[in-house]
Amino acid sequence: MDNKIYNSKGEEVDSYHQMKQGEGKFFSPTTLLLIGGLILFNIGCFVNPGLLDALFRMLDVRLWPWWYFLVLCVIAFFTWRWIRLYLIYKENGFDSQEYDLAARFVRMSVIVSIELLLLVLLNMVGFFSYLSWPFYQMFVYGVFSWLALFMLMVILGCAVVALYYFKEWITIYFVER
């Protein structure tokens, strides 16, 4: 039984041995370009062009509301602080109090970042205005709405969770230092 494998040039190739050593390339750059082109072609053929237009319109910073930039600054600050904490931990390590402080900061910043990004996402897709109409009706005209009550409970729940983690981080940062 002949287990020899030959490439298109007629050279003998031992694919298992090359895979084991990490030398074997399965796709050449030309093949990767062909696969990428086919993916783009399928996206262009089968995705609604209005969706792509809306996506690129969302990425235009000139159309962003002013508070998107505040969210971006907050997340950039948190990212900078996460990188600094990682580098300090990698270089020196933490004692138990510093580790607790860093862990609480990371928990607080992740919760706040997720909530801010969720707000931005809801506003970008237009769902924020859909959810704000029942609030407007309830607080201006006094019209009761179960959707408004539910959304009020969700907003209060998110605020309570964020404030709890913020309080925990502030407590350990200022009191135990």
C-alpha atoms as a PDB file:
ATOM      1  CA  MET A   1       0.000   0.000   0.000  1.00  0.00           C
ATOM      2  CA  ASP A   2       1.526   3.274  -1.125  1.00  0.00           C
ATOM      3  CA  ASN A   3       0.838   6.110   1.397  1.00  0.00           C
ATOM      4  CA  LYS A   4       2.902   8.649  -0.456  1.00  0.00           C
ATOM      5  CA  ILE A   5       1.290  11.973  -1.266  1.00  0.00           C
ATOM      6  CA  TYR A   6       2.424  14.079  -4.199  1.00  0.00           C
ATOM      7  CA  ASN A   7       1.849  17.791  -4.715  1.00  0.00           C
ATOM      8  CA  SER A   8       1.009  19.462  -8.030  1.00  0.00           C
ATOM      9  CA  LYS A   9       4.718  19.723  -8.890  1.00  0.00           C
ATOM     10  CA  GLY A  10       5.141  15.959  -8.580  1.00  0.00           C
ATOM     11  CA  GLU A  11       7.227  16.178  -5.391  1.00  0.00           C
ATOM     12  CA  GLU A  12       6.630  13.680  -2.613  1.00  0.00           C
ATOM     13  CA  VAL A  13       4.991  15.247   0.459  1.00  0.00           C
ATOM     14  CA  ASP A  14       4.545  13.692   3.871  1.00  0.00           C
ATOM     15  CA  SER A  15       1.609  15.774   5.096  1.00  0.00           C
ATOM     16  CA  TYR A  16       1.369  14.204   8.567  1.00  0.00           C
ATOM     17  CA  HIS A  17       5.048  14.851   9.274  1.00  0.00           C
ATOM     18  CA  GLN A  18       4.785  18.446   8.041  1.00  0.00           C
ATOM     19  CA  MET A  19       1.666  19.060  10.115  1.00  0.00           C
ATOM     20  CA  LYS A  20       3.393  17.710  13.198  1.00  0.00           C
ATOM     21  CA  GLN A  21       6.353  20.021  12.748  1.00  0.00           C
ATOM     22  CA  GLY A  22       4.177  22.995  11.847  1.00  0.00           C
ATOM     23  CA  GLU A  23       5.855  23.402   8.478  1.00  0.00           C
ATOM     24  CA  GLY A  24       2.916  22.478   6.294  1.00  0.00           C
ATOM     25  CA  LYS A  25       0.799  25.251   4.812  1.00  0.00           C
ATOM     26  CA  PHE A  26      -2.691  24.164   3.937  1.00  0.00           C
ATOM     27  CA  PHE A  27      -3.706  27.329   2.102  1.00  0.00           C
ATOM     28  CA  SER A  28      -1.466  29.501  -0.003  1.00  0.00           C
ATOM     29  CA  PRO A  29      -1.968  33.286   0.029  1.00  0.00           C
ATOM     30  CA  THR A  30      -3.749  33.019  -3.318  1.00  0.00           C
ATOM     31  CA  THR A  31      -6.220  30.495  -1.906  1.00  0.00           C
ATOM     32  CA  LEU A  32      -6.842  32.709   1.128  1.00  0.00           C
ATOM     33  CA  LEU A  33      -7.554  35.671  -1.184  1.00  0.00           C
ATOM     34  CA  LEU A  34      -9.959  33.507  -3.172  1.00  0.00           C
ATOM     35  CA  ILE A  35     -11.795  32.422  -0.005  1.00  0.00           C
ATOM     36  CA  GLY A  36     -11.948  36.048   1.228  1.00  0.00           C
ATOM     37  CA  GLY A  37     -13.306  37.169  -2.138  1.00  0.00           C
ATOM     38  CA  LEU A  38     -15.979  34.473  -2.069  1.00  0.00           C
ATOM     39  CA  ILE A  39     -17.023  35.532   1.420  1.00  0.00           C
ATOM     40  CA  LEU A  40     -17.284  39.184   0.313  1.00  0.00           C
ATOM     41  CA  PHE A  41     -19.178  38.127  -2.793  1.00  0.00           C
ATOM     42  CA  ASN A  42     -21.703  36.187  -0.724  1.00  0.00           C
ATOM     43  CA  ILE A  43     -22.113  39.093   1.665  1.00  0.00           C
ATOM     44  CA  GLY A  44     -22.712  41.411  -1.271  1.00  0.00           C
ATOM     45  CA  CYS A  45     -25.217  39.076  -2.890  1.00  0.00           C
ATOM     46  CA  PHE A  46     -27.250  37.906   0.061  1.00  0.00           C
ATOM     47  CA  VAL A  47     -27.182  40.763   2.596  1.00  0.00           C
ATOM     48  CA  ASN A  48     -29.601  43.646   2.283  1.00  0.00           C
ATOM     49  CA  PRO A  49     -27.657  46.699   1.044  1.00  0.00           C
ATOM     50  CA  GLY A  50     -29.724  48.910   3.344  1.00  0.00           C
ATOM     51  CA  LEU A  51     -28.308  46.972   6.287  1.00  0.00           C
ATOM     52  CA  LEU A  52     -24.743  47.592   5.139  1.00  0.00           C
ATOM     53  CA  ASP A  53     -25.563  51.260   4.575  1.00  0.00           C
ATOM     54  CA  ALA A  54     -27.017  51.509   8.082  1.00  0.00           C
ATOM     55  CA  LEU A  55     -23.941  49.813   9.540  1.00  0.00           C
ATOM     56  CA  PHE A  56     -21.558  52.247   7.861  1.00  0.00           C
ATOM     57  CA  ARG A  57     -23.808  55.165   8.824  1.00  0.00           C
ATOM     58  CA  MET A  58     -23.551  54.066  12.482  1.00  0.00           C
ATOM     59  CA  LEU A  59     -19.773  54.157  12.202  1.00  0.00           C
ATOM     60  CA  ASP A  60     -19.747  57.783  11.016  1.00  0.00           C
ATOM     61  CA  VAL A  61     -18.587  59.733  14.079  1.00  0.00           C
ATOM     62  CA  ARG A  62     -19.999  62.998  12.740  1.00  0.00           C
ATOM     63  CA  LEU A  63     -23.514  61.659  13.311  1.00  0.00           C
ATOM     64  CA  TRP A  64     -22.935  60.449  16.874  1.00  0.00           C
ATOM     65  CA  PRO A  65     -24.684  62.192  19.780  1.00  0.00           C
ATOM     66  CA  TRP A  66     -22.399  63.980  22.226  1.00  0.00           C
ATOM     67  CA  TRP A  67     -22.789  61.368  24.958  1.00  0.00           C
ATOM     68  CA  TYR A  68     -21.273  58.620  22.751  1.00  0.00           C
ATOM     69  CA  PHE A  69     -17.956  60.407  23.139  1.00  0.00           C
ATOM     70  CA  LEU A  70     -18.314  60.423  26.933  1.00  0.00           C
ATOM     71  CA  VAL A  71     -18.969  56.668  26.844  1.00  0.00           C
ATOM     72  CA  LEU A  72     -15.940  56.243  24.596  1.00  0.00           C
ATOM     73  CA  CYS A  73     -13.775  58.234  27.032  1.00  0.00           C
ATOM     74  CA  VAL A  74     -14.996  56.186  30.017  1.00  0.00           C
ATOM     75  CA  ILE A  75     -14.291  52.898  28.256  1.00  0.00           C
ATOM     76  CA  ALA A  76     -10.891  54.158  27.077  1.00  0.00           C
ATOM     77  CA  PHE A  77     -10.038  55.086  30.677  1.00  0.00           C
ATOM     78  CA  PHE A  78     -11.144  51.667  31.928  1.00  0.00           C
ATOM     79  CA  THR A  79      -9.108  49.945  29.211  1.00  0.00           C
ATOM     80  CA  TRP A  80      -6.029  51.995  30.073  1.00  0.00           C
ATOM     81  CA  ARG A  81      -6.493  51.118  33.748  1.00  0.00           C
ATOM     82  CA  TRP A  82      -6.978  47.389  32.966  1.00  0.00           C
ATOM     83  CA  ILE A  83      -3.735  47.360  30.985  1.00  0.00           C
ATOM     84  CA  ARG A  84      -1.895  49.130  33.789  1.00  0.00           C
ATOM     85  CA  LEU A  85      -3.252  46.678  36.387  1.00  0.00           C
ATOM     86  CA  TYR A  86      -2.208  43.759  34.203  1.00  0.00           C
ATOM     87  CA  LEU A  87       1.307  45.126  33.733  1.00  0.00           C
ATOM     88  CA  ILE A  88       1.699  45.829  37.460  1.00  0.00           C
ATOM     89  CA  TYR A  89       0.445  42.343  38.286  1.00  0.00           C
ATOM     90  CA  LYS A  90       2.739  40.766  35.691  1.00  0.00           C
ATOM     91  CA  GLU A  91       5.775  42.679  36.936  1.00  0.00           C
ATOM     92  CA  ASN A  92       5.401  42.663  40.730  1.00  0.00           C
ATOM     93  CA  GLY A  93       2.249  40.789  41.630  1.00  0.00           C
ATOM     94  CA  PHE A  94      -0.228  41.991  44.221  1.00  0.00           C
ATOM     95  CA  ASP A  95      -0.555  41.488  47.936  1.00  0.00           C
ATOM     96  CA  SER A  96      -4.002  40.464  49.202  1.00  0.00           C
ATOM     97  CA  GLN A  97      -5.288  44.034  49.711  1.00  0.00           C
ATOM     98  CA  GLU A  98      -4.076  45.253  46.297  1.00  0.00           C
ATOM     99  CA  TYR A  99      -5.504  42.128  44.675  1.00  0.00           C
ATOM    100  CA  ASP A 100      -8.892  42.767  46.307  1.00  0.00           C
ATOM    101  CA  LEU A 101      -8.819  46.406  45.191  1.00  0.00           C
ATOM    102  CA  ALA A 102      -7.907  45.440  41.625  1.00  0.00           C
ATOM    103  CA  ALA A 103     -10.556  42.705  41.484  1.00  0.00           C
ATOM    104  CA  ARG A 104     -13.281  45.070  42.700  1.00  0.00           C
ATOM    105  CA  PHE A 105     -12.210  47.735  40.206  1.00  0.00           C
ATOM    106  CA  VAL A 106     -12.300  45.254  37.350  1.00  0.00           C
ATOM    107  CA  ARG A 107     -15.756  44.007  38.369  1.00  0.00           C
ATOM    108  CA  MET A 108     -17.089  47.555  38.691  1.00  0.00           C
ATOM    109  CA  SER A 109     -15.584  48.727  35.403  1.00  0.00           C
ATOM    110  CA  VAL A 110     -16.824  45.685  33.467  1.00  0.00           C
ATOM    111  CA  ILE A 111     -20.401  46.168  34.770  1.00  0.00           C
ATOM    112  CA  VAL A 112     -20.353  49.896  33.941  1.00  0.00           C
ATOM    113  CA  SER A 113     -18.818  49.267  30.490  1.00  0.00           C
ATOM    114  CA  ILE A 114     -21.427  46.643  29.608  1.00  0.00           C
ATOM    115  CA  GLU A 115     -24.273  48.897  30.694  1.00  0.00           C
ATOM    116  CA  LEU A 116     -22.905  51.900  28.777  1.00  0.00           C
ATOM    117  CA  LEU A 117     -22.336  49.837  25.632  1.00  0.00           C
ATOM    118  CA  LEU A 118     -25.862  48.447  25.930  1.00  0.00           C
ATOM    119  CA  LEU A 119     -27.204  52.011  26.115  1.00  0.00           C
ATOM    120  CA  VAL A 120     -25.243  52.985  23.006  1.00  0.00           C
ATOM    121  CA  LEU A 121     -26.378  49.872  21.146  1.00  0.00           C
ATOM    122  CA  LEU A 122     -30.034  50.454  22.043  1.00  0.00           C
ATOM    123  CA  ASN A 123     -29.763  54.054  20.852  1.00  0.00           C
ATOM    124  CA  MET A 124     -27.969  53.109  17.618  1.00  0.00           C
ATOM    125  CA  VAL A 125     -30.611  50.634  16.517  1.00  0.00           C
ATOM    126  CA  GLY A 126     -33.466  52.975  17.452  1.00  0.00           C
ATOM    127  CA  PHE A 127     -34.842  50.772  20.219  1.00  0.00           C
ATOM    128  CA  PHE A 128     -34.092  53.453  22.793  1.00  0.00           C
ATOM    129  CA  SER A 129     -36.689  55.798  21.315  1.00  0.00           C
ATOM    130  CA  TYR A 130     -39.207  52.931  21.174  1.00  0.00           C
ATOM    131  CA  LEU A 131     -38.637  52.274  24.877  1.00  0.00           C
ATOM    132  CA  SER A 132     -38.730  55.943  25.862  1.00  0.00           C
ATOM    133  CA  TRP A 133     -42.213  56.579  24.400  1.00  0.00           C
ATOM    134  CA  PRO A 134     -44.056  54.659  27.181  1.00  0.00           C
ATOM    135  CA  PHE A 135     -42.055  56.669  29.766  1.00  0.00           C
ATOM    136  CA  TYR A 136     -43.090  59.874  28.091  1.00  0.00           C
ATOM    137  CA  GLN A 137     -46.728  58.785  28.093  1.00  0.00           C
ATOM    138  CA  MET A 138     -46.562  57.671  31.732  1.00  0.00           C
ATOM    139  CA  PHE A 139     -44.772  60.669  33.217  1.00  0.00           C
ATOM    140  CA  VAL A 140     -46.318  63.430  31.082  1.00  0.00           C
ATOM    141  CA  TYR A 141     -49.893  62.264  30.557  1.00  0.00           C
ATOM    142  CA  GLY A 142     -50.240  59.718  33.371  1.00  0.00           C
ATOM    143  CA  VAL A 143     -51.065  56.830  31.042  1.00  0.00           C
ATOM    144  CA  PHE A 144     -50.154  53.538  32.723  1.00  0.00           C
ATOM    145  CA  SER A 145     -48.147  51.066  30.673  1.00  0.00           C
ATOM    146  CA  TRP A 146     -46.805  47.664  31.665  1.00  0.00           C
ATOM    147  CA  LEU A 147     -43.888  48.173  29.268  1.00  0.00           C
ATOM    148  CA  ALA A 148     -42.978  51.440  30.984  1.00  0.00           C
ATOM    149  CA  LEU A 149     -43.177  49.792  34.406  1.00  0.00           C
ATOM    150  CA  PHE A 150     -41.074  46.853  33.238  1.00  0.00           C
ATOM    151  CA  MET A 151     -38.457  49.132  31.672  1.00  0.00           C
ATOM    152  CA  LEU A 152     -38.393  51.263  34.827  1.00  0.00           C
ATOM    153  CA  MET A 153     -37.656  48.125  36.868  1.00  0.00           C
ATOM    154  CA  VAL A 154     -34.910  47.075  34.426  1.00  0.00           C
ATOM    155  CA  ILE A 155     -33.323  50.539  34.531  1.00  0.00           C
ATOM    156  CA  LEU A 156     -33.502  50.688  38.321  1.00  0.00           C
ATOM    157  CA  GLY A 157     -32.055  47.168  38.556  1.00  0.00           C
ATOM    158  CA  CYS A 158     -29.120  48.081  36.309  1.00  0.00           C
ATOM    159  CA  ALA A 159     -28.530  51.289  38.260  1.00  0.00           C
ATOM    160  CA  VAL A 160     -28.613  49.449  41.591  1.00  0.00           C
ATOM    161  CA  VAL A 161     -26.116  46.830  40.356  1.00  0.00           C
ATOM    162  CA  ALA A 162     -23.762  49.517  39.010  1.00  0.00           C
ATOM    163  CA  LEU A 163     -24.034  51.593  42.192  1.00  0.00           C
ATOM    164  CA  TYR A 164     -23.408  48.521  44.352  1.00  0.00           C
ATOM    165  CA  TYR A 165     -20.174  47.657  42.528  1.00  0.00           C
ATOM    166  CA  PHE A 166     -19.143  51.325  42.506  1.00  0.00           C
ATOM    167  CA  LYS A 167     -19.762  51.563  46.267  1.00  0.00           C
ATOM    168  CA  GLU A 168     -17.730  48.394  46.893  1.00  0.00           C
ATOM    169  CA  TRP A 169     -14.794  49.743  44.906  1.00  0.00           C
ATOM    170  CA  ILE A 170     -14.964  53.217  46.523  1.00  0.00           C
ATOM    171  CA  THR A 171     -15.190  51.641  49.980  1.00  0.00           C
ATOM    172  CA  ILE A 172     -12.097  49.537  49.599  1.00  0.00           C
ATOM    173  CA  TYR A 173     -10.222  52.277  47.720  1.00  0.00           C
ATOM    174  CA  PHE A 174     -10.702  55.067  50.271  1.00  0.00           C
ATOM    175  CA  VAL A 175     -11.432  53.302  53.557  1.00  0.00           C
ATOM    176  CA  GLU A 176      -8.934  50.442  53.578  1.00  0.00           C
ATOM    177  CA  ARG A 177      -5.998  52.404  52.182  1.00  0.00           C
END
